[in-house]
Protein backbone atom coordinates (compact mmCIF):
# COMPACT_ATOMS: atom_id res chain seq x y z
CA MET A 1 113.03 186.57 15.41
CA THR A 2 111.24 186.48 11.84
CA SER A 3 113.27 188.01 8.77
CA PRO A 4 111.24 190.81 7.00
CA PRO A 5 110.65 188.21 3.64
CA GLU A 6 109.21 185.85 6.00
CA ARG A 7 107.03 188.34 7.63
CA HIS A 8 105.76 189.19 4.39
CA GLU A 9 104.83 185.44 3.62
CA LEU A 10 103.39 185.01 6.62
CA ALA A 11 101.25 188.24 6.16
CA ASP A 12 100.23 187.15 2.62
CA GLU A 13 99.42 183.84 3.74
CA LEU A 14 97.13 185.53 6.41
CA VAL A 15 95.72 188.14 4.14
CA VAL A 16 94.43 185.21 1.47
CA VAL A 17 92.73 183.20 4.38
CA ARG A 18 90.72 186.30 5.33
CA CYS A 19 89.86 186.49 1.31
CA GLN A 20 88.94 183.15 1.61
CA LEU A 21 86.92 183.70 4.54
CA GLY A 22 84.78 186.29 2.33
CA GLU A 23 86.57 189.73 3.44
CA SER A 24 86.44 191.80 0.70
CA ALA A 25 88.94 194.37 2.26
CA ALA A 26 91.53 191.44 2.65
CA PHE A 27 91.21 191.03 -1.38
CA ASP A 28 91.61 194.77 -1.77
CA GLU A 29 94.88 194.64 0.33
CA LEU A 30 96.15 191.68 -2.10
CA VAL A 31 95.74 193.56 -4.96
CA ARG A 32 97.54 197.00 -3.29
CA ARG A 33 100.58 194.53 -2.39
CA TRP A 34 100.59 192.53 -5.78
CA SER A 35 99.16 194.96 -8.44
CA ALA A 36 102.99 196.86 -8.81
CA PRO A 37 105.24 193.36 -9.12
CA LEU A 38 102.30 191.50 -11.37
CA TYR A 39 102.30 194.27 -13.66
CA ARG A 40 106.12 194.51 -13.53
CA TYR A 41 105.92 190.29 -14.46
CA ALA A 42 103.16 191.41 -17.42
CA LEU A 43 104.88 193.98 -18.83
CA LYS A 44 108.22 191.90 -19.50
CA LEU A 45 106.17 188.93 -20.62
CA ALA A 46 103.74 191.56 -23.09
CA GLY A 47 106.51 194.17 -24.00
CA GLU A 48 103.96 196.72 -24.05
CA ALA A 49 101.89 198.52 -21.27
CA GLU A 50 98.12 198.26 -22.37
CA LEU A 51 98.80 194.61 -23.24
CA ALA A 52 100.19 194.12 -19.47
CA ARG A 53 97.65 196.04 -18.37
CA ASP A 54 95.17 193.93 -19.59
CA LEU A 55 96.83 190.75 -18.80
CA SER A 56 97.06 192.05 -15.02
CA GLN A 57 93.28 192.65 -15.01
CA ASP A 58 92.65 189.16 -16.30
CA VAL A 59 95.04 187.74 -13.56
CA TRP A 60 92.96 189.42 -10.61
CA LEU A 61 89.75 188.58 -12.54
CA ARG A 62 90.81 184.83 -12.38
CA ALA A 63 92.43 185.26 -9.08
CA ILE A 64 89.21 186.35 -7.33
CA ARG A 65 87.34 183.25 -9.08
CA GLY A 66 89.97 180.87 -8.02
CA LEU A 67 90.90 181.99 -4.48
CA PRO A 68 88.28 179.99 -2.76
CA ARG A 69 90.08 176.44 -4.39
CA LEU A 70 93.66 177.33 -3.48
CA LEU A 71 94.52 174.89 -0.90
CA ASP A 72 97.72 176.25 0.45
CA PRO A 73 97.60 179.82 0.93
CA ALA A 74 101.38 179.99 1.53
CA GLN A 75 101.51 179.18 -2.05
CA PHE A 76 99.52 182.33 -3.15
CA ARG A 77 102.49 184.08 -4.77
CA PRO A 78 103.44 181.10 -7.15
CA TRP A 79 100.07 180.39 -7.92
CA LEU A 80 99.47 184.21 -8.83
CA PHE A 81 102.48 184.10 -10.96
CA GLY A 82 101.33 180.79 -12.72
CA ILE A 83 97.89 182.44 -13.48
CA ALA A 84 100.07 185.51 -15.02
CA HIS A 85 101.82 183.11 -17.36
CA ARG A 86 98.50 181.14 -18.32
CA CYS A 87 96.69 184.34 -18.95
CA PHE A 88 99.78 185.50 -21.02
CA MET A 89 100.02 182.09 -22.95
CA ASP A 90 96.29 182.22 -23.63
CA ARG A 91 96.35 185.37 -25.31
CA LEU A 92 98.80 184.43 -27.06
CA ARG A 93 96.81 181.50 -28.49
CA SER A 94 93.73 183.35 -29.29
CA ARG A 95 95.90 186.00 -31.27
CA TYR A 96 97.60 183.33 -33.08
CA ALA A 97 94.31 181.80 -33.92
CA ILE A 98 92.68 185.13 -34.83
CA ALA A 99 95.33 185.50 -37.31
CA VAL A 100 95.50 182.22 -38.94
CA ASP A 101 91.46 182.53 -39.30
CA ASN A 102 92.00 186.10 -40.53
CA ASP A 103 94.59 184.55 -43.27
CA THR A 104 97.34 186.77 -41.88
CA ASP A 105 100.56 186.74 -43.08
CA PRO A 106 102.77 184.80 -41.48
CA ASP A 107 105.37 187.02 -41.12
CA ALA A 108 102.82 189.46 -39.20
CA LEU A 109 102.95 186.72 -36.44
CA GLY A 110 106.58 187.39 -35.74
CA ALA A 111 105.43 190.03 -33.59
CA LEU A 112 104.12 187.82 -31.28
CA ALA A 113 107.29 186.28 -30.67
CA ILE A 114 108.99 187.42 -27.50
CA ASP A 115 112.86 187.95 -27.48
CA ALA A 116 112.90 186.20 -30.88
CA ASP A 117 113.77 187.90 -34.08
CA GLU A 118 111.10 186.97 -36.53
CA GLU A 119 113.49 186.28 -39.66
CA LEU A 120 115.85 184.04 -37.72
CA LEU A 121 112.93 182.27 -36.42
CA HIS A 122 111.35 181.59 -39.77
CA GLN A 123 114.29 180.27 -41.22
CA SER A 124 115.04 177.95 -38.25
CA LEU A 125 111.37 176.46 -38.52
CA GLU A 126 112.44 176.20 -42.33
CA ARG A 127 115.42 174.37 -42.04
CA GLY A 128 114.22 172.34 -39.50
CA LEU A 129 110.99 171.29 -41.57
CA ALA A 130 113.10 170.63 -44.65
CA ALA A 131 115.72 168.31 -42.04
CA LEU A 132 112.59 166.34 -41.26
CA PRO A 133 111.89 162.64 -42.74
CA LEU A 134 109.05 162.85 -45.29
CA LEU A 135 106.49 161.22 -43.59
CA GLU A 136 106.62 163.62 -40.51
CA ARG A 137 107.32 166.81 -42.85
CA GLU A 138 104.11 165.81 -44.83
CA VAL A 139 101.91 165.21 -41.82
CA LEU A 140 103.04 168.44 -40.42
CA THR A 141 102.51 170.25 -43.81
CA LEU A 142 98.81 168.82 -44.02
CA PHE A 143 98.19 169.65 -40.67
CA TYR A 144 99.73 173.37 -39.73
CA LEU A 145 99.87 174.75 -43.08
CA GLU A 146 96.85 173.23 -45.06
CA SER A 147 94.65 173.33 -41.84
CA LEU A 148 93.62 170.00 -42.79
CA PRO A 149 91.84 168.17 -39.74
CA LEU A 150 92.81 164.47 -38.18
CA ALA A 151 90.26 162.55 -40.62
CA GLU A 152 91.22 164.09 -43.66
CA ILE A 153 94.65 163.65 -43.02
CA SER A 154 94.04 159.87 -42.55
CA THR A 155 92.01 160.00 -45.84
CA VAL A 156 94.63 161.57 -47.61
CA LEU A 157 97.77 159.49 -46.63
CA GLN A 158 95.13 156.23 -46.16
CA ILE A 159 96.38 155.80 -42.65
CA PRO A 160 94.39 155.49 -39.42
CA THR A 161 93.95 158.34 -37.58
CA GLY A 162 95.68 157.16 -34.57
CA THR A 163 99.05 156.78 -36.93
CA VAL A 164 98.29 160.35 -38.05
CA LYS A 165 98.24 161.55 -34.09
CA SER A 166 101.45 159.60 -33.77
CA ARG A 167 103.26 160.84 -36.50
CA LEU A 168 102.01 164.78 -35.63
CA PHE A 169 103.31 163.94 -32.09
CA ARG A 170 106.82 162.51 -33.39
CA ALA A 171 107.10 165.08 -35.91
CA ARG A 172 106.53 167.92 -33.63
CA LYS A 173 109.18 166.55 -31.45
CA LEU A 174 111.92 166.50 -34.22
CA LEU A 175 111.10 169.86 -35.22
CA ARG A 176 111.64 170.95 -31.82
CA GLN A 177 114.91 169.16 -31.51
CA LEU A 178 115.97 170.56 -34.86
CA VAL A 179 114.92 174.14 -33.90
CA VAL A 180 116.24 174.18 -30.31
CA ASN A 181 119.35 172.24 -31.24
CA PRO A 182 120.15 172.25 -35.11
CA GLU A 183 123.67 170.89 -34.51
CA GLN A 184 122.17 167.71 -33.53
CA GLU A 185 121.02 167.65 -37.09
CA ASP A 186 124.43 166.64 -38.13
CA ASP A 187 124.69 163.87 -35.68
CA ARG A 188 121.79 161.82 -36.88
């Protein structure tokens, strides 16, 4: 005998196949089944109801477009929540880009950080940046704080663009390590 969770998964799989065959009522059924869990997830990510509603709508729009390409209908749930994650990350990136383009005060960007204390994050980044070796600190400063393109950084530092890219990669990695594991800074 099939247990209730397996029954729901099988039912979802059948509804997905019906959607892929073009049955619009099947998509309505998926929306009815998954709107509440999707909204709860979006609300946890976004932290505010209006943004969660917008994210949910974006997810459903992407889902209806992408459903024909879903190869394994049994993977509908992780696929749907993966779309939600990507929608949220896209929204954060676009908000961050708009804020940076409009010369928004960097402290205002802290509102985008989920479950993070803005001041603590800022201090941690400052400490991490200060702890980086000069070459890495310089390339990060030019690229992120001064917004210079790679070609201009190459000219400023008189090094090939490929070297700029590799230094940026190394600098990001080191900064991530310093911010995530600050105790390792003393071990270096």
